Amino acid sequence: MENISSKVLANNIYKDGLIAALEHMSSESQNSVSQIIGDNGDLHVNVCHMTNEKKNKSFHWFNCVAFQDQVCGNHLPDVHEVTLEVVLVSSFLPSNEDTQELKRDFMILWSCCIVNNLPSFGFLKKSVIYHIPHQ
């Protein structure tokens, strides 16, 4: 009987804590964003030899976390300066400079692949750059 009452008490403490957390989050300023995320976990444990004392067990858990975002953009205006009809497709394509830089990076990567995977180029391993220079 004590086991059942302790479970009821634990559930009430859990519910009270969750309600208190929700009330606290809802009382915060309108510029803050709060989220509650949860996920369940189920586990079924079979025993090798079932008896009256040893039975299969099924566990069902639910984990819940509530947090307040550190950065919120609710106070920012919802103004669009440009619509998609006005934007040219070419503005999304890489520039010539971007393409040249990408080719330089690929040359470094390909040289590493070639000397590491083709035995006839193994003598060049000491002259290959193994790290792409970047800021």
C-alpha atoms as a PDB file:
ATOM      1  CA  MET A   1       0.000   0.000   0.000  1.00  0.00           C
ATOM      2  CA  GLU A   2       2.911   2.369   0.720  1.00  0.00           C
ATOM      3  CA  ASN A   3       4.266   1.861  -2.781  1.00  0.00           C
ATOM      4  CA  ILE A   4       0.999   3.024  -4.412  1.00  0.00           C
ATOM      5  CA  SER A   5       0.736   6.123  -2.193  1.00  0.00           C
ATOM      6  CA  SER A   6       4.364   7.077  -2.912  1.00  0.00           C
ATOM      7  CA  LYS A   7       3.654   6.833  -6.667  1.00  0.00           C
ATOM      8  CA  VAL A   8       0.575   9.057  -6.292  1.00  0.00           C
ATOM      9  CA  LEU A   9       2.637  11.558  -4.280  1.00  0.00           C
ATOM     10  CA  ALA A  10       5.417  11.513  -6.895  1.00  0.00           C
ATOM     11  CA  ASN A  11       2.867  12.073  -9.684  1.00  0.00           C
ATOM     12  CA  ASN A  12       1.320  14.996  -7.783  1.00  0.00           C
ATOM     13  CA  ILE A  13       4.766  16.554  -7.230  1.00  0.00           C
ATOM     14  CA  TYR A  14       5.522  16.096 -10.920  1.00  0.00           C
ATOM     15  CA  LYS A  15       2.183  17.648 -11.954  1.00  0.00           C
ATOM     16  CA  ASP A  16       2.609  20.530  -9.506  1.00  0.00           C
ATOM     17  CA  GLY A  17       6.139  21.188 -10.758  1.00  0.00           C
ATOM     18  CA  LEU A  18       5.021  21.101 -14.381  1.00  0.00           C
ATOM     19  CA  ILE A  19       2.115  23.458 -13.701  1.00  0.00           C
ATOM     20  CA  ALA A  20       4.426  25.833 -11.819  1.00  0.00           C
ATOM     21  CA  ALA A  21       6.912  25.801 -14.709  1.00  0.00           C
ATOM     22  CA  LEU A  22       4.140  26.502 -17.231  1.00  0.00           C
ATOM     23  CA  GLU A  23       2.775  29.371 -15.132  1.00  0.00           C
ATOM     24  CA  HIS A  24       6.257  30.856 -14.772  1.00  0.00           C
ATOM     25  CA  MET A  25       6.893  30.621 -18.509  1.00  0.00           C
ATOM     26  CA  SER A  26       3.542  32.201 -19.375  1.00  0.00           C
ATOM     27  CA  SER A  27       4.159  35.096 -16.965  1.00  0.00           C
ATOM     28  CA  GLU A  28       7.383  36.110 -18.755  1.00  0.00           C
ATOM     29  CA  SER A  29       7.365  39.083 -21.128  1.00  0.00           C
ATOM     30  CA  GLN A  30       5.767  38.790 -24.562  1.00  0.00           C
ATOM     31  CA  ASN A  31       9.159  39.148 -26.298  1.00  0.00           C
ATOM     32  CA  SER A  32      10.399  35.810 -25.002  1.00  0.00           C
ATOM     33  CA  VAL A  33       9.704  32.454 -26.592  1.00  0.00           C
ATOM     34  CA  SER A  34       9.266  29.325 -24.517  1.00  0.00           C
ATOM     35  CA  GLN A  35       9.150  25.758 -25.699  1.00  0.00           C
ATOM     36  CA  ILE A  36       8.119  22.490 -24.140  1.00  0.00           C
ATOM     37  CA  ILE A  37       9.566  19.403 -25.780  1.00  0.00           C
ATOM     38  CA  GLY A  38       8.867  15.808 -24.854  1.00  0.00           C
ATOM     39  CA  ASP A  39       9.569  12.329 -26.070  1.00  0.00           C
ATOM     40  CA  ASN A  40       8.562   8.890 -24.908  1.00  0.00           C
ATOM     41  CA  GLY A  41      10.672   5.815 -24.412  1.00  0.00           C
ATOM     42  CA  ASP A  42       9.314   2.285 -24.263  1.00  0.00           C
ATOM     43  CA  LEU A  43      11.270  -0.748 -23.133  1.00  0.00           C
ATOM     44  CA  HIS A  44      10.144  -4.349 -22.947  1.00  0.00           C
ATOM     45  CA  VAL A  45      12.354  -6.682 -20.902  1.00  0.00           C
ATOM     46  CA  ASN A  46      11.881 -10.416 -21.331  1.00  0.00           C
ATOM     47  CA  VAL A  47      13.105 -12.878 -18.715  1.00  0.00           C
ATOM     48  CA  CYS A  48      14.761 -16.145 -19.759  1.00  0.00           C
ATOM     49  CA  HIS A  49      12.582 -18.375 -17.579  1.00  0.00           C
ATOM     50  CA  MET A  50       9.288 -16.843 -16.523  1.00  0.00           C
ATOM     51  CA  THR A  51       7.982 -17.722 -13.082  1.00  0.00           C
ATOM     52  CA  ASN A  52       5.479 -16.098 -10.709  1.00  0.00           C
ATOM     53  CA  GLU A  53       8.319 -14.039  -9.227  1.00  0.00           C
ATOM     54  CA  LYS A  54      10.099 -13.301 -12.509  1.00  0.00           C
ATOM     55  CA  LYS A  55       7.814 -11.879 -15.172  1.00  0.00           C
ATOM     56  CA  ASN A  56       8.354  -9.881 -18.319  1.00  0.00           C
ATOM     57  CA  LYS A  57       8.404  -6.154 -17.638  1.00  0.00           C
ATOM     58  CA  SER A  58       7.255  -3.295 -19.791  1.00  0.00           C
ATOM     59  CA  PHE A  59       8.543   0.209 -19.012  1.00  0.00           C
ATOM     60  CA  HIS A  60       6.942   3.361 -20.440  1.00  0.00           C
ATOM     61  CA  TRP A  61       8.717   6.642 -19.778  1.00  0.00           C
ATOM     62  CA  PHE A  62       8.094  10.190 -20.927  1.00  0.00           C
ATOM     63  CA  ASN A  63      10.756  12.879 -20.715  1.00  0.00           C
ATOM     64  CA  CYS A  64       9.692  16.496 -20.824  1.00  0.00           C
ATOM     65  CA  VAL A  65      11.852  19.622 -20.838  1.00  0.00           C
ATOM     66  CA  ALA A  66      10.801  23.258 -20.903  1.00  0.00           C
ATOM     67  CA  PHE A  67      13.163  26.060 -21.795  1.00  0.00           C
ATOM     68  CA  GLN A  68      13.146  29.687 -22.748  1.00  0.00           C
ATOM     69  CA  ASP A  69      14.947  30.786 -25.904  1.00  0.00           C
ATOM     70  CA  GLN A  70      17.948  33.023 -25.266  1.00  0.00           C
ATOM     71  CA  VAL A  71      17.395  34.986 -28.474  1.00  0.00           C
ATOM     72  CA  CYS A  72      13.982  36.000 -29.701  1.00  0.00           C
ATOM     73  CA  GLY A  73      12.984  37.903 -32.822  1.00  0.00           C
ATOM     74  CA  ASN A  74       9.330  38.526 -31.962  1.00  0.00           C
ATOM     75  CA  HIS A  75       9.974  42.241 -31.536  1.00  0.00           C
ATOM     76  CA  LEU A  76      11.464  42.591 -35.043  1.00  0.00           C
ATOM     77  CA  PRO A  77       9.253  44.028 -37.797  1.00  0.00           C
ATOM     78  CA  ASP A  78       7.775  41.648 -40.342  1.00  0.00           C
ATOM     79  CA  VAL A  79       8.646  43.772 -43.368  1.00  0.00           C
ATOM     80  CA  HIS A  80       9.718  42.298 -46.697  1.00  0.00           C
ATOM     81  CA  GLU A  81      11.758  44.656 -48.836  1.00  0.00           C
ATOM     82  CA  VAL A  82      11.930  42.382 -51.883  1.00  0.00           C
ATOM     83  CA  THR A  83       9.612  39.689 -53.180  1.00  0.00           C
ATOM     84  CA  LEU A  84      10.752  36.587 -55.038  1.00  0.00           C
ATOM     85  CA  GLU A  85       9.275  37.835 -58.313  1.00  0.00           C
ATOM     86  CA  VAL A  86      11.831  40.662 -58.311  1.00  0.00           C
ATOM     87  CA  VAL A  87      14.895  38.593 -57.371  1.00  0.00           C
ATOM     88  CA  LEU A  88      16.921  37.257 -60.287  1.00  0.00           C
ATOM     89  CA  VAL A  89      17.840  33.560 -60.279  1.00  0.00           C
ATOM     90  CA  SER A  90      21.423  34.507 -61.127  1.00  0.00           C
ATOM     91  CA  SER A  91      21.790  36.099 -57.680  1.00  0.00           C
ATOM     92  CA  PHE A  92      21.712  32.590 -56.168  1.00  0.00           C
ATOM     93  CA  LEU A  93      24.405  31.203 -58.472  1.00  0.00           C
ATOM     94  CA  PRO A  94      28.058  31.258 -57.397  1.00  0.00           C
ATOM     95  CA  SER A  95      30.216  34.049 -58.798  1.00  0.00           C
ATOM     96  CA  ASN A  96      33.354  33.438 -60.868  1.00  0.00           C
ATOM     97  CA  GLU A  97      35.435  34.140 -57.760  1.00  0.00           C
ATOM     98  CA  ASP A  98      33.442  31.541 -55.768  1.00  0.00           C
ATOM     99  CA  THR A  99      33.950  28.985 -58.534  1.00  0.00           C
ATOM    100  CA  GLN A 100      37.709  29.605 -58.700  1.00  0.00           C
ATOM    101  CA  GLU A 101      38.040  29.292 -54.912  1.00  0.00           C
ATOM    102  CA  LEU A 102      36.050  26.043 -54.976  1.00  0.00           C
ATOM    103  CA  LYS A 103      38.311  24.656 -57.724  1.00  0.00           C
ATOM    104  CA  ARG A 104      41.410  25.483 -55.628  1.00  0.00           C
ATOM    105  CA  ASP A 105      39.905  23.662 -52.640  1.00  0.00           C
ATOM    106  CA  PHE A 106      39.018  20.659 -54.820  1.00  0.00           C
ATOM    107  CA  MET A 107      42.556  20.513 -56.197  1.00  0.00           C
ATOM    108  CA  ILE A 108      43.884  20.156 -52.664  1.00  0.00           C
ATOM    109  CA  LEU A 109      41.302  17.477 -51.789  1.00  0.00           C
ATOM    110  CA  TRP A 110      41.836  15.531 -55.028  1.00  0.00           C
ATOM    111  CA  SER A 111      45.594  15.577 -54.645  1.00  0.00           C
ATOM    112  CA  CYS A 112      45.179  13.970 -51.212  1.00  0.00           C
ATOM    113  CA  CYS A 113      42.844  11.317 -52.641  1.00  0.00           C
ATOM    114  CA  ILE A 114      45.158  10.539 -55.552  1.00  0.00           C
ATOM    115  CA  VAL A 115      48.366  10.098 -53.528  1.00  0.00           C
ATOM    116  CA  ASN A 116      46.599   8.080 -50.809  1.00  0.00           C
ATOM    117  CA  ASN A 117      44.649   5.739 -53.121  1.00  0.00           C
ATOM    118  CA  LEU A 118      46.823   5.313 -56.211  1.00  0.00           C
ATOM    119  CA  PRO A 119      50.111   3.559 -55.344  1.00  0.00           C
ATOM    120  CA  SER A 120      51.931   4.895 -58.408  1.00  0.00           C
ATOM    121  CA  PHE A 121      51.544   8.448 -57.037  1.00  0.00           C
ATOM    122  CA  GLY A 122      52.690   7.506 -53.521  1.00  0.00           C
ATOM    123  CA  PHE A 123      56.056   9.214 -54.030  1.00  0.00           C
ATOM    124  CA  LEU A 124      54.234  12.600 -53.952  1.00  0.00           C
ATOM    125  CA  LYS A 125      52.791  12.129 -50.443  1.00  0.00           C
ATOM    126  CA  LYS A 126      55.328  14.468 -48.841  1.00  0.00           C
ATOM    127  CA  SER A 127      54.546  17.332 -51.242  1.00  0.00           C
ATOM    128  CA  VAL A 128      50.741  17.270 -50.888  1.00  0.00           C
ATOM    129  CA  ILE A 129      48.868  19.851 -48.788  1.00  0.00           C
ATOM    130  CA  TYR A 130      46.686  17.976 -46.292  1.00  0.00           C
ATOM    131  CA  HIS A 131      44.903  20.998 -44.862  1.00  0.00           C
ATOM    132  CA  ILE A 132      42.948  23.602 -46.816  1.00  0.00           C
ATOM    133  CA  PRO A 133      44.153  27.047 -45.681  1.00  0.00           C
ATOM    134  CA  HIS A 134      41.263  29.113 -44.297  1.00  0.00           C
ATOM    135  CA  GLN A 135      40.577  31.849 -41.765  1.00  0.00           C
END
